[in-house]
Amino acid sequence: MNISKLLTLSTAHLKPVTRDFLVLESIKGYYGLSVYTNEYGFFVYVDAEEPKNIPCDLSNCLQLAKENDCEWIKFDRDEVPIDNLKVYEG
C-alpha cells in the first residue's frame, strides 16, 4: 500500500503571476509539472527533479515539501500562511 504525504500551504505564498503560471501549466504542461486546479487553489506534484525556470516562490515551496518528504503540495486560498515562507499580496 502506498500512502503519500501532502503539504498544505496558503496560495498567499505564491505571487499572482505564479498562480497564473500554475493555471497555464495545468492546461499546457510546458515545464513538466503535474498541476491540478480547483476553485480553492492547486495541487502540485513534488518531483525529485525540479523543472528549470520555474518561479522562485514556487521553487521555495517545492523545496519545503522535499525537506518534509512530501509528494504533493495543496495550495489552498483558505489555509493560514506559515512563518517560514514569504507572503505575497493579491
C-alpha atoms as a PDB file:
ATOM      1  CA  MET A   1       0.000   0.000   0.000  1.00  0.00           C
ATOM      2  CA  ASN A   2       1.353   3.421  -0.988  1.00  0.00           C
ATOM      3  CA  ILE A   3       0.471   6.382   1.232  1.00  0.00           C
ATOM      4  CA  SER A   4       1.638   9.833   0.127  1.00  0.00           C
ATOM      5  CA  LYS A   5       2.392  12.847   2.307  1.00  0.00           C
ATOM      6  CA  LEU A   6       0.793  16.158   1.344  1.00  0.00           C
ATOM      7  CA  LEU A   7       1.910  19.639   2.447  1.00  0.00           C
ATOM      8  CA  THR A   8      -0.916  22.178   2.636  1.00  0.00           C
ATOM      9  CA  LEU A   9       0.137  25.785   2.026  1.00  0.00           C
ATOM     10  CA  SER A  10      -1.717  29.025   1.525  1.00  0.00           C
ATOM     11  CA  THR A  11      -1.964  30.397  -2.009  1.00  0.00           C
ATOM     12  CA  ALA A  12      -0.676  33.614  -0.383  1.00  0.00           C
ATOM     13  CA  HIS A  13       2.803  32.063  -0.639  1.00  0.00           C
ATOM     14  CA  LEU A  14       2.538  32.402  -4.426  1.00  0.00           C
ATOM     15  CA  LYS A  15       2.755  35.635  -6.395  1.00  0.00           C
ATOM     16  CA  PRO A  16      -0.327  36.343  -8.543  1.00  0.00           C
ATOM     17  CA  VAL A  17       1.794  35.771 -11.664  1.00  0.00           C
ATOM     18  CA  THR A  18       2.841  32.360 -10.302  1.00  0.00           C
ATOM     19  CA  ARG A  19      -0.787  31.433  -9.732  1.00  0.00           C
ATOM     20  CA  ASP A  20      -1.432  32.334 -13.382  1.00  0.00           C
ATOM     21  CA  PHE A  21       1.607  30.236 -14.324  1.00  0.00           C
ATOM     22  CA  LEU A  22       0.126  27.223 -12.494  1.00  0.00           C
ATOM     23  CA  VAL A  23      -3.227  27.592 -14.250  1.00  0.00           C
ATOM     24  CA  LEU A  24      -1.458  27.659 -17.624  1.00  0.00           C
ATOM     25  CA  GLU A  25       0.815  24.777 -16.619  1.00  0.00           C
ATOM     26  CA  SER A  26      -2.225  22.672 -15.694  1.00  0.00           C
ATOM     27  CA  ILE A  27      -3.514  23.144 -19.258  1.00  0.00           C
ATOM     28  CA  LYS A  28      -0.354  23.174 -21.397  1.00  0.00           C
ATOM     29  CA  GLY A  29       2.339  21.454 -19.320  1.00  0.00           C
ATOM     30  CA  TYR A  30       5.241  23.458 -20.782  1.00  0.00           C
ATOM     31  CA  TYR A  31       7.520  22.849 -17.781  1.00  0.00           C
ATOM     32  CA  GLY A  32       6.603  19.253 -16.985  1.00  0.00           C
ATOM     33  CA  LEU A  33       4.884  19.996 -13.681  1.00  0.00           C
ATOM     34  CA  SER A  34       1.877  17.928 -12.654  1.00  0.00           C
ATOM     35  CA  VAL A  35      -0.650  20.588 -11.641  1.00  0.00           C
ATOM     36  CA  TYR A  36      -4.338  20.190 -10.908  1.00  0.00           C
ATOM     37  CA  THR A  37      -6.555  23.188 -10.254  1.00  0.00           C
ATOM     38  CA  ASN A  38      -9.782  23.594  -8.336  1.00  0.00           C
ATOM     39  CA  GLU A  39     -11.856  26.523  -7.122  1.00  0.00           C
ATOM     40  CA  TYR A  40      -9.708  26.861  -3.963  1.00  0.00           C
ATOM     41  CA  GLY A  41      -6.211  26.578  -5.419  1.00  0.00           C
ATOM     42  CA  PHE A  42      -3.865  23.934  -6.782  1.00  0.00           C
ATOM     43  CA  PHE A  43      -2.357  20.504  -6.250  1.00  0.00           C
ATOM     44  CA  VAL A  44       1.268  20.294  -7.390  1.00  0.00           C
ATOM     45  CA  TYR A  45       3.281  17.074  -7.557  1.00  0.00           C
ATOM     46  CA  VAL A  46       6.713  17.323  -5.929  1.00  0.00           C
ATOM     47  CA  ASP A  47       9.071  15.623  -8.367  1.00  0.00           C
ATOM     48  CA  ALA A  48      12.580  14.589  -7.334  1.00  0.00           C
ATOM     49  CA  GLU A  49      13.984  16.760 -10.126  1.00  0.00           C
ATOM     50  CA  GLU A  50      12.662  20.289 -10.095  1.00  0.00           C
ATOM     51  CA  PRO A  51      11.946  21.714 -13.552  1.00  0.00           C
ATOM     52  CA  LYS A  52      14.204  24.565 -14.632  1.00  0.00           C
ATOM     53  CA  ASN A  53      12.976  28.146 -14.988  1.00  0.00           C
ATOM     54  CA  ILE A  54      10.019  27.918 -12.636  1.00  0.00           C
ATOM     55  CA  PRO A  55       9.127  30.916 -10.452  1.00  0.00           C
ATOM     56  CA  CYS A  56      11.280  31.350  -7.340  1.00  0.00           C
ATOM     57  CA  ASP A  57       8.298  31.466  -4.966  1.00  0.00           C
ATOM     58  CA  LEU A  58       7.064  28.116  -6.288  1.00  0.00           C
ATOM     59  CA  SER A  59      10.580  26.689  -6.088  1.00  0.00           C
ATOM     60  CA  ASN A  60      10.781  27.684  -2.405  1.00  0.00           C
ATOM     61  CA  CYS A  61       7.507  25.857  -1.706  1.00  0.00           C
ATOM     62  CA  LEU A  62       8.695  22.758  -3.564  1.00  0.00           C
ATOM     63  CA  GLN A  63      11.927  22.790  -1.567  1.00  0.00           C
ATOM     64  CA  LEU A  64       9.990  22.938   1.712  1.00  0.00           C
ATOM     65  CA  ALA A  65       7.879  19.987   0.588  1.00  0.00           C
ATOM     66  CA  LYS A  66      11.005  17.974  -0.312  1.00  0.00           C
ATOM     67  CA  GLU A  67      12.593  18.763   3.058  1.00  0.00           C
ATOM     68  CA  ASN A  68       9.492  17.293   4.704  1.00  0.00           C
ATOM     69  CA  ASP A  69       9.288  14.214   2.424  1.00  0.00           C
ATOM     70  CA  CYS A  70       6.011  15.312   0.832  1.00  0.00           C
ATOM     71  CA  GLU A  71       4.918  14.097  -2.599  1.00  0.00           C
ATOM     72  CA  TRP A  72       2.259  16.757  -3.129  1.00  0.00           C
ATOM     73  CA  ILE A  73       1.557  20.366  -2.230  1.00  0.00           C
ATOM     74  CA  LYS A  74      -2.003  21.514  -1.826  1.00  0.00           C
ATOM     75  CA  PHE A  75      -2.177  25.291  -2.268  1.00  0.00           C
ATOM     76  CA  ASP A  76      -5.425  26.438  -0.648  1.00  0.00           C
ATOM     77  CA  ARG A  77      -6.739  30.010  -0.524  1.00  0.00           C
ATOM     78  CA  ASP A  78      -8.282  29.346   2.913  1.00  0.00           C
ATOM     79  CA  GLU A  79      -5.118  27.968   4.523  1.00  0.00           C
ATOM     80  CA  VAL A  80      -3.333  30.233   7.012  1.00  0.00           C
ATOM     81  CA  PRO A  81       0.139  31.320   5.779  1.00  0.00           C
ATOM     82  CA  ILE A  82       3.149  29.902   7.604  1.00  0.00           C
ATOM     83  CA  ASP A  83       6.012  31.964   9.021  1.00  0.00           C
ATOM     84  CA  ASN A  84       8.935  30.491   7.091  1.00  0.00           C
ATOM     85  CA  LEU A  85       7.657  31.373   3.596  1.00  0.00           C
ATOM     86  CA  LYS A  86       7.121  34.835   2.171  1.00  0.00           C
ATOM     87  CA  VAL A  87       3.538  36.085   1.774  1.00  0.00           C
ATOM     88  CA  TYR A  88       2.541  37.970  -1.382  1.00  0.00           C
ATOM     89  CA  GLU A  89      -0.324  40.407  -1.897  1.00  0.00           C
ATOM     90  CA  GLY A  90      -3.050  39.797  -4.426  1.00  0.00           C
END
